[in-house]
C-alpha atoms as a PDB file:
ATOM      1  CA  MET A   1     -14.295 127.342 103.916  1.00  0.00           C
ATOM      2  CA  ALA A   2     -11.234 125.471 102.727  1.00  0.00           C
ATOM      3  CA  ARG A   3     -11.145 123.698  99.416  1.00  0.00           C
ATOM      4  CA  CYS A   4     -10.773 119.940  99.263  1.00  0.00           C
ATOM      5  CA  GLU A   5      -6.991 119.883  99.236  1.00  0.00           C
ATOM      6  CA  ASP A   6      -4.716 116.882  98.901  1.00  0.00           C
ATOM      7  CA  LEU A   7      -2.284 117.092 101.818  1.00  0.00           C
ATOM      8  CA  LYS A   8       0.215 114.986  99.889  1.00  0.00           C
ATOM      9  CA  SER A   9       0.947 117.915  97.584  1.00  0.00           C
ATOM     10  CA  PRO A  10       2.937 121.000  98.642  1.00  0.00           C
ATOM     11  CA  GLY A  11       0.127 123.195  97.327  1.00  0.00           C
ATOM     12  CA  GLY A  12      -2.463 121.407  99.450  1.00  0.00           C
ATOM     13  CA  LYS A  13      -0.372 121.769 102.597  1.00  0.00           C
ATOM     14  CA  LEU A  14       0.208 125.433 101.917  1.00  0.00           C
ATOM     15  CA  ALA A  15      -3.490 126.035 101.220  1.00  0.00           C
ATOM     16  CA  ILE A  16      -4.614 124.640 104.587  1.00  0.00           C
ATOM     17  CA  ALA A  17      -1.893 126.596 106.406  1.00  0.00           C
ATOM     18  CA  GLN A  18      -2.987 129.785 104.633  1.00  0.00           C
ATOM     19  CA  ALA A  19      -6.613 129.187 105.608  1.00  0.00           C
ATOM     20  CA  VAL A  20      -5.635 128.758 109.265  1.00  0.00           C
ATOM     21  CA  ALA A  21      -3.353 131.827 109.124  1.00  0.00           C
ATOM     22  CA  ARG A  22      -6.196 134.013 107.829  1.00  0.00           C
ATOM     23  CA  PHE A  23      -8.283 133.266 110.901  1.00  0.00           C
ATOM     24  CA  ALA A  24      -5.317 133.318 113.288  1.00  0.00           C
ATOM     25  CA  ASN A  25      -4.578 136.878 112.173  1.00  0.00           C
ATOM     26  CA  GLY A  26      -8.192 137.964 112.571  1.00  0.00           C
ATOM     27  CA  GLU A  27      -9.545 139.622 115.665  1.00  0.00           C
ATOM     28  CA  HIS A  28     -12.158 136.959 116.424  1.00  0.00           C
ATOM     29  CA  GLY A  29     -10.635 133.808 114.947  1.00  0.00           C
ATOM     30  CA  GLY A  30     -12.875 131.453 113.020  1.00  0.00           C
ATOM     31  CA  ILE A  31     -13.525 127.938 111.784  1.00  0.00           C
ATOM     32  CA  VAL A  32     -11.913 126.254 108.786  1.00  0.00           C
ATOM     33  CA  VAL A  33     -14.119 123.526 107.317  1.00  0.00           C
ATOM     34  CA  VAL A  34     -12.390 120.850 105.252  1.00  0.00           C
ATOM     35  CA  GLY A  35     -14.251 118.388 103.058  1.00  0.00           C
ATOM     36  CA  MET A  36     -16.660 120.813 101.419  1.00  0.00           C
ATOM     37  CA  ARG A  37     -16.234 123.171  98.489  1.00  0.00           C
ATOM     38  CA  GLY A  38     -17.710 126.602  98.749  1.00  0.00           C
ATOM     39  CA  LYS A  39     -19.107 128.982  96.189  1.00  0.00           C
ATOM     40  CA  ARG A  40     -19.015 132.714  96.771  1.00  0.00           C
ATOM     41  CA  ILE A  41     -22.331 134.482  96.563  1.00  0.00           C
ATOM     42  CA  PRO A  42     -23.244 138.087  97.307  1.00  0.00           C
ATOM     43  CA  GLY A  43     -22.960 138.456 101.068  1.00  0.00           C
ATOM     44  CA  GLY A  44     -21.044 135.256 101.788  1.00  0.00           C
ATOM     45  CA  GLU A  45     -20.456 131.712 100.659  1.00  0.00           C
ATOM     46  CA  ILE A  46     -22.527 128.534 100.298  1.00  0.00           C
ATOM     47  CA  ILE A  47     -21.548 124.853 100.232  1.00  0.00           C
ATOM     48  CA  ASN A  48     -21.878 123.555  96.684  1.00  0.00           C
ATOM     49  CA  SER A  49     -20.138 120.144  96.882  1.00  0.00           C
ATOM     50  CA  ILE A  50     -18.804 117.656  99.383  1.00  0.00           C
ATOM     51  CA  CYS A  51     -15.490 115.779  99.129  1.00  0.00           C
ATOM     52  CA  PRO A  52     -15.172 113.505 102.172  1.00  0.00           C
ATOM     53  CA  VAL A  53     -11.946 113.366 104.160  1.00  0.00           C
ATOM     54  CA  PRO A  54     -10.885 110.130 105.920  1.00  0.00           C
ATOM     55  CA  VAL A  55     -11.731 110.339 109.614  1.00  0.00           C
ATOM     56  CA  ASP A  56      -8.742 108.779 111.343  1.00  0.00           C
ATOM     57  CA  GLY A  57      -5.688 109.663 113.395  1.00  0.00           C
ATOM     58  CA  ARG A  58      -3.428 109.772 110.362  1.00  0.00           C
ATOM     59  CA  THR A  59      -5.521 112.475 108.716  1.00  0.00           C
ATOM     60  CA  LEU A  60      -5.460 114.531 111.907  1.00  0.00           C
ATOM     61  CA  ARG A  61      -1.652 114.234 112.090  1.00  0.00           C
ATOM     62  CA  ASN A  62      -1.320 115.246 108.426  1.00  0.00           C
ATOM     63  CA  TYR A  63      -3.280 118.446 109.047  1.00  0.00           C
ATOM     64  CA  GLN A  64      -1.303 119.215 112.204  1.00  0.00           C
ATOM     65  CA  GLN A  65       2.015 118.655 110.410  1.00  0.00           C
ATOM     66  CA  ALA A  66       1.009 120.804 107.422  1.00  0.00           C
ATOM     67  CA  ILE A  67       0.126 123.675 109.744  1.00  0.00           C
ATOM     68  CA  GLU A  68       3.251 123.262 111.907  1.00  0.00           C
ATOM     69  CA  GLN A  69       5.525 123.170 108.839  1.00  0.00           C
ATOM     70  CA  HIS A  70       4.088 126.298 107.231  1.00  0.00           C
ATOM     71  CA  LEU A  71       3.125 128.633 110.087  1.00  0.00           C
ATOM     72  CA  TYR A  72       5.529 130.360 112.424  1.00  0.00           C
ATOM     73  CA  PRO A  73       4.842 131.109 115.128  1.00  0.00           C
ATOM     74  CA  PRO A  74       2.143 128.480 115.509  1.00  0.00           C
ATOM     75  CA  PRO A  75      -1.308 129.914 116.250  1.00  0.00           C
ATOM     76  CA  ASP A  76      -2.473 130.036 119.860  1.00  0.00           C
ATOM     77  CA  TYR A  77      -5.528 128.011 120.842  1.00  0.00           C
ATOM     78  CA  LEU A  78      -5.640 126.002 117.611  1.00  0.00           C
ATOM     79  CA  ASP A  79      -8.012 123.062 117.936  1.00  0.00           C
ATOM     80  CA  ILE A  80      -8.263 120.504 115.138  1.00  0.00           C
ATOM     81  CA  GLU A  81     -11.266 118.200 115.284  1.00  0.00           C
ATOM     82  CA  LEU A  82     -12.439 115.349 113.085  1.00  0.00           C
ATOM     83  CA  VAL A  83     -16.212 115.097 112.902  1.00  0.00           C
END
């Protein structure tokens, strides 16, 4: 689960790219959830707070650009969805 990062900051852009890279390098891929903060517990992680993300085309482009700027080569089969 990704933290609620501000994509206007270099650290926020890097954090989302790192989250995507972790799953892209895994054998079975995964899902990165943005807009919720997680808390580690024995055996996994739980959602402990919500920080809403604007649901619009600009937000989608910002996530795509952050990933494209920080990951090379870009991950195969990456699908970014706003829900």
